[in-house]
Amino acid sequence: MGPWHLYLMGILYIVAGIMHFVRPKMYQRIIPDYLPNAKFLVILSGIAEIELGIGLFIEAVRTWAALGIICMLIAFLPVHFYMLTNKNAAMGLPKWVLILRIPLQFGLMYWAYSYVSF
């Protein structure tokens, strides 16, 4: 058994991944134009979030899941910058919210890193 916040993190990623399939067009809208096949990328990232979230619950793969989450969050950084520069991708969110999301990514990376053990 892990701490409650480990399970919270796992559930958050699983729910976020499921949302890629519930509202795929919302996620496709935030994929930068220079990346090919937004629909495929949304499906792929949804699957990754679900699998990595589940991986946090399994002690044998927890470190790898946490490292995978960190890599995924790094890969998602261009999306946050794209949302800052593209009105359609911003989804009507205030600029200050979009700006705060960037350091939040690093906070999420640190949170995931707290479950890395070698």
C-alpha atoms as a PDB file:
ATOM      1  CA  MET A   1       0.000   0.000   0.000  1.00  0.00           C
ATOM      2  CA  GLY A   2       1.157   3.509  -0.743  1.00  0.00           C
ATOM      3  CA  PRO A   3       0.188   6.852   0.712  1.00  0.00           C
ATOM      4  CA  TRP A   4      -3.201   8.387  -0.149  1.00  0.00           C
ATOM      5  CA  HIS A   5      -1.580  11.030  -2.359  1.00  0.00           C
ATOM      6  CA  LEU A   6      -0.092   8.297  -4.551  1.00  0.00           C
ATOM      7  CA  TYR A   7      -3.584   6.961  -5.211  1.00  0.00           C
ATOM      8  CA  LEU A   8      -4.877  10.488  -5.781  1.00  0.00           C
ATOM      9  CA  MET A   9      -2.212  11.009  -8.429  1.00  0.00           C
ATOM     10  CA  GLY A  10      -3.016   7.680 -10.082  1.00  0.00           C
ATOM     11  CA  ILE A  11      -6.736   8.448 -10.162  1.00  0.00           C
ATOM     12  CA  LEU A  12      -6.105  11.944 -11.569  1.00  0.00           C
ATOM     13  CA  TYR A  13      -4.105  10.534 -14.485  1.00  0.00           C
ATOM     14  CA  ILE A  14      -6.609   7.756 -15.146  1.00  0.00           C
ATOM     15  CA  VAL A  15      -9.514  10.237 -15.202  1.00  0.00           C
ATOM     16  CA  ALA A  16      -7.517  12.656 -17.380  1.00  0.00           C
ATOM     17  CA  GLY A  17      -6.750   9.811 -19.793  1.00  0.00           C
ATOM     18  CA  ILE A  18     -10.388   8.736 -19.970  1.00  0.00           C
ATOM     19  CA  MET A  19     -11.354  12.338 -20.767  1.00  0.00           C
ATOM     20  CA  HIS A  20      -9.263  12.061 -23.962  1.00  0.00           C
ATOM     21  CA  PHE A  21     -11.877   9.585 -25.187  1.00  0.00           C
ATOM     22  CA  VAL A  22     -14.912  11.382 -23.750  1.00  0.00           C
ATOM     23  CA  ARG A  23     -14.013  14.822 -25.197  1.00  0.00           C
ATOM     24  CA  PRO A  24     -11.401  14.158 -27.890  1.00  0.00           C
ATOM     25  CA  LYS A  25     -12.123  17.323 -29.881  1.00  0.00           C
ATOM     26  CA  MET A  26     -11.271  19.485 -26.871  1.00  0.00           C
ATOM     27  CA  TYR A  27      -7.846  17.831 -26.688  1.00  0.00           C
ATOM     28  CA  GLN A  28      -7.322  17.911 -30.461  1.00  0.00           C
ATOM     29  CA  ARG A  29      -7.823  21.679 -30.381  1.00  0.00           C
ATOM     30  CA  ILE A  30      -4.813  22.147 -28.080  1.00  0.00           C
ATOM     31  CA  ILE A  31      -2.391  20.076 -30.172  1.00  0.00           C
ATOM     32  CA  PRO A  32       0.056  22.473 -31.858  1.00  0.00           C
ATOM     33  CA  ASP A  33      -0.418  22.815 -35.623  1.00  0.00           C
ATOM     34  CA  TYR A  34       3.125  21.644 -36.332  1.00  0.00           C
ATOM     35  CA  LEU A  35       2.414  18.183 -34.858  1.00  0.00           C
ATOM     36  CA  PRO A  36       0.872  15.673 -37.286  1.00  0.00           C
ATOM     37  CA  ASN A  37      -2.346  13.715 -36.739  1.00  0.00           C
ATOM     38  CA  ALA A  38      -3.823  15.404 -33.665  1.00  0.00           C
ATOM     39  CA  LYS A  39      -6.511  12.729 -33.344  1.00  0.00           C
ATOM     40  CA  PHE A  40      -3.911   9.960 -33.050  1.00  0.00           C
ATOM     41  CA  LEU A  41      -1.855  11.989 -30.565  1.00  0.00           C
ATOM     42  CA  VAL A  42      -4.910  12.523 -28.367  1.00  0.00           C
ATOM     43  CA  ILE A  43      -5.656   8.784 -28.368  1.00  0.00           C
ATOM     44  CA  LEU A  44      -2.010   7.929 -27.690  1.00  0.00           C
ATOM     45  CA  SER A  45      -1.690  10.420 -24.831  1.00  0.00           C
ATOM     46  CA  GLY A  46      -4.985   9.240 -23.334  1.00  0.00           C
ATOM     47  CA  ILE A  47      -3.790   5.637 -23.339  1.00  0.00           C
ATOM     48  CA  ALA A  48      -0.455   6.705 -21.839  1.00  0.00           C
ATOM     49  CA  GLU A  49      -2.126   8.645 -19.029  1.00  0.00           C
ATOM     50  CA  ILE A  50      -4.399   5.716 -18.166  1.00  0.00           C
ATOM     51  CA  GLU A  51      -1.565   3.165 -18.230  1.00  0.00           C
ATOM     52  CA  LEU A  52       0.821   5.343 -16.231  1.00  0.00           C
ATOM     53  CA  GLY A  53      -1.897   6.142 -13.693  1.00  0.00           C
ATOM     54  CA  ILE A  54      -2.562   2.428 -13.228  1.00  0.00           C
ATOM     55  CA  GLY A  55       1.186   1.797 -13.051  1.00  0.00           C
ATOM     56  CA  LEU A  56       1.413   3.991  -9.952  1.00  0.00           C
ATOM     57  CA  PHE A  57      -0.780   1.452  -8.129  1.00  0.00           C
ATOM     58  CA  ILE A  58       1.579  -1.432  -8.901  1.00  0.00           C
ATOM     59  CA  GLU A  59       4.643  -1.371  -6.678  1.00  0.00           C
ATOM     60  CA  ALA A  60       6.783  -3.393  -9.110  1.00  0.00           C
ATOM     61  CA  VAL A  61       6.409  -0.747 -11.852  1.00  0.00           C
ATOM     62  CA  ARG A  62       5.723   2.375  -9.769  1.00  0.00           C
ATOM     63  CA  THR A  63       9.144   3.948 -10.388  1.00  0.00           C
ATOM     64  CA  TRP A  64       8.834   3.398 -14.135  1.00  0.00           C
ATOM     65  CA  ALA A  65       5.296   4.792 -14.127  1.00  0.00           C
ATOM     66  CA  ALA A  66       6.454   7.893 -12.234  1.00  0.00           C
ATOM     67  CA  LEU A  67       9.357   8.383 -14.646  1.00  0.00           C
ATOM     68  CA  GLY A  68       6.944   7.900 -17.547  1.00  0.00           C
ATOM     69  CA  ILE A  69       4.673  10.590 -16.107  1.00  0.00           C
ATOM     70  CA  ILE A  70       7.621  12.977 -15.864  1.00  0.00           C
ATOM     71  CA  CYS A  71       8.550  12.297 -19.505  1.00  0.00           C
ATOM     72  CA  MET A  72       4.934  12.719 -20.563  1.00  0.00           C
ATOM     73  CA  LEU A  73       4.644  16.047 -18.742  1.00  0.00           C
ATOM     74  CA  ILE A  74       7.821  17.258 -20.440  1.00  0.00           C
ATOM     75  CA  ALA A  75       6.356  16.194 -23.800  1.00  0.00           C
ATOM     76  CA  PHE A  76       3.154  18.119 -22.979  1.00  0.00           C
ATOM     77  CA  LEU A  77       4.982  21.420 -22.317  1.00  0.00           C
ATOM     78  CA  PRO A  78       4.674  22.589 -25.960  1.00  0.00           C
ATOM     79  CA  VAL A  79       0.893  22.259 -25.632  1.00  0.00           C
ATOM     80  CA  HIS A  80       0.891  24.766 -22.764  1.00  0.00           C
ATOM     81  CA  PHE A  81       2.967  27.261 -24.720  1.00  0.00           C
ATOM     82  CA  TYR A  82       0.734  26.726 -27.765  1.00  0.00           C
ATOM     83  CA  MET A  83      -2.321  27.502 -25.651  1.00  0.00           C
ATOM     84  CA  LEU A  84      -0.663  30.799 -24.667  1.00  0.00           C
ATOM     85  CA  THR A  85      -0.159  31.834 -28.278  1.00  0.00           C
ATOM     86  CA  ASN A  86      -3.283  30.466 -29.985  1.00  0.00           C
ATOM     87  CA  LYS A  87      -6.684  31.931 -29.071  1.00  0.00           C
ATOM     88  CA  ASN A  88      -8.623  28.858 -30.228  1.00  0.00           C
ATOM     89  CA  ALA A  89      -6.375  26.503 -28.258  1.00  0.00           C
ATOM     90  CA  ALA A  90      -6.695  28.710 -25.155  1.00  0.00           C
ATOM     91  CA  MET A  91     -10.340  27.605 -24.862  1.00  0.00           C
ATOM     92  CA  GLY A  92     -11.326  30.972 -23.409  1.00  0.00           C
ATOM     93  CA  LEU A  93      -9.129  30.553 -20.340  1.00  0.00           C
ATOM     94  CA  PRO A  94      -7.664  33.765 -18.929  1.00  0.00           C
ATOM     95  CA  LYS A  95      -4.023  34.409 -19.805  1.00  0.00           C
ATOM     96  CA  TRP A  96      -2.983  34.225 -16.122  1.00  0.00           C
ATOM     97  CA  VAL A  97      -4.431  30.684 -15.856  1.00  0.00           C
ATOM     98  CA  LEU A  98      -2.526  29.620 -18.962  1.00  0.00           C
ATOM     99  CA  ILE A  99       0.680  31.085 -17.537  1.00  0.00           C
ATOM    100  CA  LEU A 100       0.197  29.384 -14.153  1.00  0.00           C
ATOM    101  CA  ARG A 101      -0.268  26.030 -15.867  1.00  0.00           C
ATOM    102  CA  ILE A 102       3.388  26.027 -16.931  1.00  0.00           C
ATOM    103  CA  PRO A 103       4.926  26.023 -13.423  1.00  0.00           C
ATOM    104  CA  LEU A 104       2.136  23.644 -12.397  1.00  0.00           C
ATOM    105  CA  GLN A 105       3.628  21.139 -14.867  1.00  0.00           C
ATOM    106  CA  PHE A 106       6.909  21.298 -12.973  1.00  0.00           C
ATOM    107  CA  GLY A 107       5.065  20.831  -9.682  1.00  0.00           C
ATOM    108  CA  LEU A 108       3.406  17.734 -11.138  1.00  0.00           C
ATOM    109  CA  MET A 109       6.818  16.469 -12.271  1.00  0.00           C
ATOM    110  CA  TYR A 110       8.168  16.924  -8.743  1.00  0.00           C
ATOM    111  CA  TRP A 111       5.138  15.125  -7.323  1.00  0.00           C
ATOM    112  CA  ALA A 112       5.737  12.188  -9.682  1.00  0.00           C
ATOM    113  CA  TYR A 113       9.457  12.207  -8.848  1.00  0.00           C
ATOM    114  CA  SER A 114       8.580  11.724  -5.180  1.00  0.00           C
ATOM    115  CA  TYR A 115       7.509   8.159  -6.100  1.00  0.00           C
ATOM    116  CA  VAL A 116      10.767   7.295  -7.873  1.00  0.00           C
ATOM    117  CA  SER A 117      12.930   4.868  -5.923  1.00  0.00           C
ATOM    118  CA  PHE A 118      15.993   3.072  -7.218  1.00  0.00           C
END
